[in-house]
Amino acid sequence: MRLKSEIEYKGRMNNVDSYMNLILTDAEEFDGSDVLANYGKVVIRGNNVLFIKLEKEF
């Protein structure tokens, strides 16, 4: 997922509400290809989300 601030998060989407607020678990924060931080759980406000890309789980 990419935010309007160009920061990306990758993780497992745990929950979403009607305002598109998201809860990610095992989340990592990226700036380009650089990992900025590893988080256990993050809550992201929906109005900051630019797009979400879902990947298949194998």
PDB file of N, CA and C in Angstrom:
ATOM      1  N   MET A   1       0.837  -1.146   0.000  1.00  0.00           N
ATOM      2  CA  MET A   1       0.000   0.000   0.000  1.00  0.00           C
ATOM      3  C   MET A   1       0.892   1.221   0.000  1.00  0.00           C
ATOM      4  N   ARG A   2       0.490   2.229  -0.702  1.00  0.00           N
ATOM      5  CA  ARG A   2       1.247   3.486  -0.735  1.00  0.00           C
ATOM      6  C   ARG A   2       0.368   4.601  -0.196  1.00  0.00           C
ATOM      7  N   LEU A   3       0.983   5.449   0.608  1.00  0.00           N
ATOM      8  CA  LEU A   3       0.280   6.601   1.157  1.00  0.00           C
ATOM      9  C   LEU A   3       0.510   7.813   0.269  1.00  0.00           C
ATOM     10  N   LYS A   4      -0.271   8.833   0.458  1.00  0.00           N
ATOM     11  CA  LYS A   4      -0.130  10.078  -0.302  1.00  0.00           C
ATOM     12  C   LYS A   4       1.235  10.719  -0.074  1.00  0.00           C
ATOM     13  N   SER A   5       1.873  10.406   1.041  1.00  0.00           N
ATOM     14  CA  SER A   5       3.200  10.955   1.356  1.00  0.00           C
ATOM     15  C   SER A   5       4.326  10.161   0.683  1.00  0.00           C
ATOM     16  N   GLU A   6       3.987   9.209  -0.203  1.00  0.00           N
ATOM     17  CA  GLU A   6       4.937   8.364  -0.942  1.00  0.00           C
ATOM     18  C   GLU A   6       5.587   7.279  -0.084  1.00  0.00           C
ATOM     19  N   ILE A   7       5.188   7.135   1.171  1.00  0.00           N
ATOM     20  CA  ILE A   7       5.672   6.055   2.022  1.00  0.00           C
ATOM     21  C   ILE A   7       4.850   4.802   1.710  1.00  0.00           C
ATOM     22  N   GLU A   8       5.511   3.640   1.694  1.00  0.00           N
ATOM     23  CA  GLU A   8       4.822   2.380   1.438  1.00  0.00           C
ATOM     24  C   GLU A   8       4.852   1.497   2.668  1.00  0.00           C
ATOM     25  N   TYR A   9       3.793   0.723   2.833  1.00  0.00           N
ATOM     26  CA  TYR A   9       3.703  -0.281   3.880  1.00  0.00           C
ATOM     27  C   TYR A   9       3.403  -1.620   3.237  1.00  0.00           C
ATOM     28  N   LYS A  10       4.076  -2.644   3.729  1.00  0.00           N
ATOM     29  CA  LYS A  10       3.784  -4.010   3.307  1.00  0.00           C
ATOM     30  C   LYS A  10       3.486  -4.814   4.551  1.00  0.00           C
ATOM     31  N   GLY A  11       2.457  -5.619   4.500  1.00  0.00           N
ATOM     32  CA  GLY A  11       2.078  -6.445   5.635  1.00  0.00           C
ATOM     33  C   GLY A  11       0.797  -7.186   5.334  1.00  0.00           C
ATOM     34  N   ARG A  12       0.284  -7.852   6.337  1.00  0.00           N
ATOM     35  CA  ARG A  12      -0.943  -8.631   6.208  1.00  0.00           C
ATOM     36  C   ARG A  12      -2.116  -7.765   6.676  1.00  0.00           C
ATOM     37  N   MET A  13      -3.098  -7.567   5.769  1.00  0.00           N
ATOM     38  CA  MET A  13      -4.267  -6.765   6.121  1.00  0.00           C
ATOM     39  C   MET A  13      -5.135  -7.579   7.076  1.00  0.00           C
ATOM     40  N   ASN A  14      -5.276  -7.058   8.289  1.00  0.00           N
ATOM     41  CA  ASN A  14      -6.007  -7.775   9.323  1.00  0.00           C
ATOM     42  C   ASN A  14      -7.460  -7.349   9.366  1.00  0.00           C
ATOM     43  N   ASN A  15      -7.706  -6.054   9.162  1.00  0.00           N
ATOM     44  CA  ASN A  15      -9.067  -5.543   9.258  1.00  0.00           C
ATOM     45  C   ASN A  15      -9.164  -4.227   8.493  1.00  0.00           C
ATOM     46  N   VAL A  16     -10.364  -3.908   8.043  1.00  0.00           N
ATOM     47  CA  VAL A  16     -10.656  -2.641   7.370  1.00  0.00           C
ATOM     48  C   VAL A  16     -12.078  -2.241   7.740  1.00  0.00           C
ATOM     49  N   ASP A  17     -12.329  -0.940   7.859  1.00  0.00           N
ATOM     50  CA  ASP A  17     -13.679  -0.493   8.176  1.00  0.00           C
ATOM     51  C   ASP A  17     -14.271   0.291   7.011  1.00  0.00           C
ATOM     52  N   SER A  18     -15.453   0.833   7.194  1.00  0.00           N
ATOM     53  CA  SER A  18     -16.162   1.526   6.111  1.00  0.00           C
ATOM     54  C   SER A  18     -15.495   2.829   5.697  1.00  0.00           C
ATOM     55  N   TYR A  19     -14.574   3.365   6.509  1.00  0.00           N
ATOM     56  CA  TYR A  19     -13.822   4.572   6.166  1.00  0.00           C
ATOM     57  C   TYR A  19     -12.482   4.237   5.523  1.00  0.00           C
ATOM     58  N   MET A  20     -12.231   2.954   5.268  1.00  0.00           N
ATOM     59  CA  MET A  20     -10.973   2.444   4.701  1.00  0.00           C
ATOM     60  C   MET A  20      -9.800   2.597   5.665  1.00  0.00           C
ATOM     61  N   ASN A  21     -10.077   2.749   6.966  1.00  0.00           N
ATOM     62  CA  ASN A  21      -9.015   2.662   7.956  1.00  0.00           C
ATOM     63  C   ASN A  21      -8.551   1.215   7.982  1.00  0.00           C
ATOM     64  N   LEU A  22      -7.246   1.001   8.012  1.00  0.00           N
ATOM     65  CA  LEU A  22      -6.695  -0.340   7.890  1.00  0.00           C
ATOM     66  C   LEU A  22      -5.891  -0.716   9.116  1.00  0.00           C
ATOM     67  N   ILE A  23      -5.909  -1.997   9.439  1.00  0.00           N
ATOM     68  CA  ILE A  23      -5.002  -2.548  10.435  1.00  0.00           C
ATOM     69  C   ILE A  23      -4.133  -3.563   9.711  1.00  0.00           C
ATOM     70  N   LEU A  24      -2.814  -3.337   9.757  1.00  0.00           N
ATOM     71  CA  LEU A  24      -1.845  -4.263   9.167  1.00  0.00           C
ATOM     72  C   LEU A  24      -1.055  -4.927  10.280  1.00  0.00           C
ATOM     73  N   THR A  25      -0.811  -6.216  10.135  1.00  0.00           N
ATOM     74  CA  THR A  25       0.078  -6.925  11.043  1.00  0.00           C
ATOM     75  C   THR A  25       1.333  -7.306  10.281  1.00  0.00           C
ATOM     76  N   ASP A  26       2.416  -7.546  10.994  1.00  0.00           N
ATOM     77  CA  ASP A  26       3.719  -7.847  10.385  1.00  0.00           C
ATOM     78  C   ASP A  26       4.086  -6.790   9.346  1.00  0.00           C
ATOM     79  N   ALA A  27       3.858  -5.529   9.681  1.00  0.00           N
ATOM     80  CA  ALA A  27       4.019  -4.430   8.737  1.00  0.00           C
ATOM     81  C   ALA A  27       5.459  -3.941   8.675  1.00  0.00           C
ATOM     82  N   GLU A  28       5.870  -3.585   7.470  1.00  0.00           N
ATOM     83  CA  GLU A  28       7.163  -2.962   7.230  1.00  0.00           C
ATOM     84  C   GLU A  28       6.923  -1.643   6.507  1.00  0.00           C
ATOM     85  N   GLU A  29       7.688  -0.623   6.870  1.00  0.00           N
ATOM     86  CA  GLU A  29       7.576   0.701   6.266  1.00  0.00           C
ATOM     87  C   GLU A  29       8.747   0.907   5.316  1.00  0.00           C
ATOM     88  N   PHE A  30       8.452   1.340   4.088  1.00  0.00           N
ATOM     89  CA  PHE A  30       9.460   1.512   3.044  1.00  0.00           C
ATOM     90  C   PHE A  30       9.453   2.940   2.524  1.00  0.00           C
ATOM     91  N   ASP A  31      10.645   3.403   2.158  1.00  0.00           N
ATOM     92  CA  ASP A  31      10.804   4.638   1.397  1.00  0.00           C
ATOM     93  C   ASP A  31      11.593   4.240   0.166  1.00  0.00           C
ATOM     94  N   GLY A  32      10.892   4.023  -0.949  1.00  0.00           N
ATOM     95  CA  GLY A  32      11.531   3.444  -2.125  1.00  0.00           C
ATOM     96  C   GLY A  32      11.814   1.977  -1.853  1.00  0.00           C
ATOM     97  N   SER A  33      13.074   1.576  -1.968  1.00  0.00           N
ATOM     98  CA  SER A  33      13.431   0.183  -1.685  1.00  0.00           C
ATOM     99  C   SER A  33      14.069   0.030  -0.305  1.00  0.00           C
ATOM    100  N   ASP A  34      14.193   1.124   0.452  1.00  0.00           N
ATOM    101  CA  ASP A  34      14.815   1.107   1.786  1.00  0.00           C
ATOM    102  C   ASP A  34      13.774   0.821   2.861  1.00  0.00           C
ATOM    103  N   VAL A  35      14.064  -0.168   3.712  1.00  0.00           N
ATOM    104  CA  VAL A  35      13.190  -0.454   4.847  1.00  0.00           C
ATOM    105  C   VAL A  35      13.483   0.571   5.944  1.00  0.00           C
ATOM    106  N   LEU A  36      12.448   1.319   6.336  1.00  0.00           N
ATOM    107  CA  LEU A  36      12.602   2.331   7.385  1.00  0.00           C
ATOM    108  C   LEU A  36      12.326   1.758   8.766  1.00  0.00           C
ATOM    109  N   ALA A  37      11.328   0.850   8.856  1.00  0.00           N
ATOM    110  CA  ALA A  37      10.958   0.309  10.173  1.00  0.00           C
ATOM    111  C   ALA A  37      10.177  -0.983  10.000  1.00  0.00           C
ATOM    112  N   ASN A  38      10.231  -1.819  11.021  1.00  0.00           N
ATOM    113  CA  ASN A  38       9.416  -3.026  11.117  1.00  0.00           C
ATOM    114  C   ASN A  38       8.463  -2.852  12.295  1.00  0.00           C
ATOM    115  N   TYR A  39       7.187  -3.105  12.044  1.00  0.00           N
ATOM    116  CA  TYR A  39       6.168  -2.949  13.080  1.00  0.00           C
ATOM    117  C   TYR A  39       5.427  -4.266  13.252  1.00  0.00           C
ATOM    118  N   GLY A  40       4.947  -4.507  14.443  1.00  0.00           N
ATOM    119  CA  GLY A  40       4.095  -5.666  14.670  1.00  0.00           C
ATOM    120  C   GLY A  40       2.692  -5.393  14.150  1.00  0.00           C
ATOM    121  N   LYS A  41       2.142  -4.228  14.497  1.00  0.00           N
ATOM    122  CA  LYS A  41       0.787  -3.862  14.084  1.00  0.00           C
ATOM    123  C   LYS A  41       0.735  -2.360  13.857  1.00  0.00           C
ATOM    124  N   VAL A  42       0.121  -1.936  12.766  1.00  0.00           N
ATOM    125  CA  VAL A  42      -0.072  -0.515  12.497  1.00  0.00           C
ATOM    126  C   VAL A  42      -1.523  -0.259  12.126  1.00  0.00           C
ATOM    127  N   VAL A  43      -1.996   0.927  12.462  1.00  0.00           N
ATOM    128  CA  VAL A  43      -3.318   1.399  12.055  1.00  0.00           C
ATOM    129  C   VAL A  43      -3.082   2.582  11.134  1.00  0.00           C
ATOM    130  N   ILE A  44      -3.670   2.523   9.943  1.00  0.00           N
ATOM    131  CA  ILE A  44      -3.481   3.572   8.938  1.00  0.00           C
ATOM    132  C   ILE A  44      -4.840   4.200   8.633  1.00  0.00           C
ATOM    133  N   ARG A  45      -4.880   5.499   8.745  1.00  0.00           N
ATOM    134  CA  ARG A  45      -6.125   6.221   8.472  1.00  0.00           C
ATOM    135  C   ARG A  45      -6.422   6.198   6.983  1.00  0.00           C
ATOM    136  N   GLY A  46      -7.636   5.879   6.631  1.00  0.00           N
ATOM    137  CA  GLY A  46      -8.026   5.663   5.246  1.00  0.00           C
ATOM    138  C   GLY A  46      -7.823   6.834   4.320  1.00  0.00           C
ATOM    139  N   ASN A  47      -7.961   8.073   4.797  1.00  0.00           N
ATOM    140  CA  ASN A  47      -7.830   9.218   3.894  1.00  0.00           C
ATOM    141  C   ASN A  47      -6.383   9.492   3.500  1.00  0.00           C
ATOM    142  N   ASN A  48      -5.419   8.767   4.077  1.00  0.00           N
ATOM    143  CA  ASN A  48      -4.015   8.910   3.695  1.00  0.00           C
ATOM    144  C   ASN A  48      -3.585   7.909   2.626  1.00  0.00           C
ATOM    145  N   VAL A  49      -4.439   6.940   2.317  1.00  0.00           N
ATOM    146  CA  VAL A  49      -4.078   5.855   1.403  1.00  0.00           C
ATOM    147  C   VAL A  49      -4.233   6.313  -0.041  1.00  0.00           C
ATOM    148  N   LEU A  50      -3.170   6.132  -0.826  1.00  0.00           N
ATOM    149  CA  LEU A  50      -3.216   6.432  -2.255  1.00  0.00           C
ATOM    150  C   LEU A  50      -3.714   5.210  -3.028  1.00  0.00           C
ATOM    151  N   PHE A  51      -3.107   4.037  -2.774  1.00  0.00           N
ATOM    152  CA  PHE A  51      -3.608   2.798  -3.367  1.00  0.00           C
ATOM    153  C   PHE A  51      -3.177   1.607  -2.531  1.00  0.00           C
ATOM    154  N   ILE A  52      -3.881   0.493  -2.755  1.00  0.00           N
ATOM    155  CA  ILE A  52      -3.579  -0.774  -2.094  1.00  0.00           C
ATOM    156  C   ILE A  52      -3.379  -1.822  -3.165  1.00  0.00           C
ATOM    157  N   LYS A  53      -2.314  -2.567  -3.051  1.00  0.00           N
ATOM    158  CA  LYS A  53      -2.033  -3.659  -3.979  1.00  0.00           C
ATOM    159  C   LYS A  53      -2.072  -4.958  -3.198  1.00  0.00           C
ATOM    160  N   LEU A  54      -2.983  -5.845  -3.559  1.00  0.00           N
ATOM    161  CA  LEU A  54      -3.105  -7.129  -2.896  1.00  0.00           C
ATOM    162  C   LEU A  54      -2.310  -8.174  -3.658  1.00  0.00           C
ATOM    163  N   GLU A  55      -1.617  -9.021  -2.919  1.00  0.00           N
ATOM    164  CA  GLU A  55      -0.860 -10.102  -3.530  1.00  0.00           C
ATOM    165  C   GLU A  55      -1.453 -11.423  -3.092  1.00  0.00           C
ATOM    166  N   LYS A  56      -1.343 -12.415  -3.954  1.00  0.00           N
ATOM    167  CA  LYS A  56      -1.834 -13.752  -3.623  1.00  0.00           C
ATOM    168  C   LYS A  56      -0.985 -14.352  -2.525  1.00  0.00           C
ATOM    169  N   GLU A  57      -1.631 -15.105  -1.660  1.00  0.00           N
ATOM    170  CA  GLU A  57      -0.914 -15.790  -0.594  1.00  0.00           C
ATOM    171  C   GLU A  57      -0.716 -17.244  -1.006  1.00  0.00           C
ATOM    172  N   PHE A  58       0.475 -17.724  -0.894  1.00  0.00           N
ATOM    173  CA  PHE A  58       0.763 -19.104  -1.289  1.00  0.00           C
ATOM    174  C   PHE A  58       0.978 -19.960  -0.082  1.00  0.00           C
TER     175      PHE A  58
END
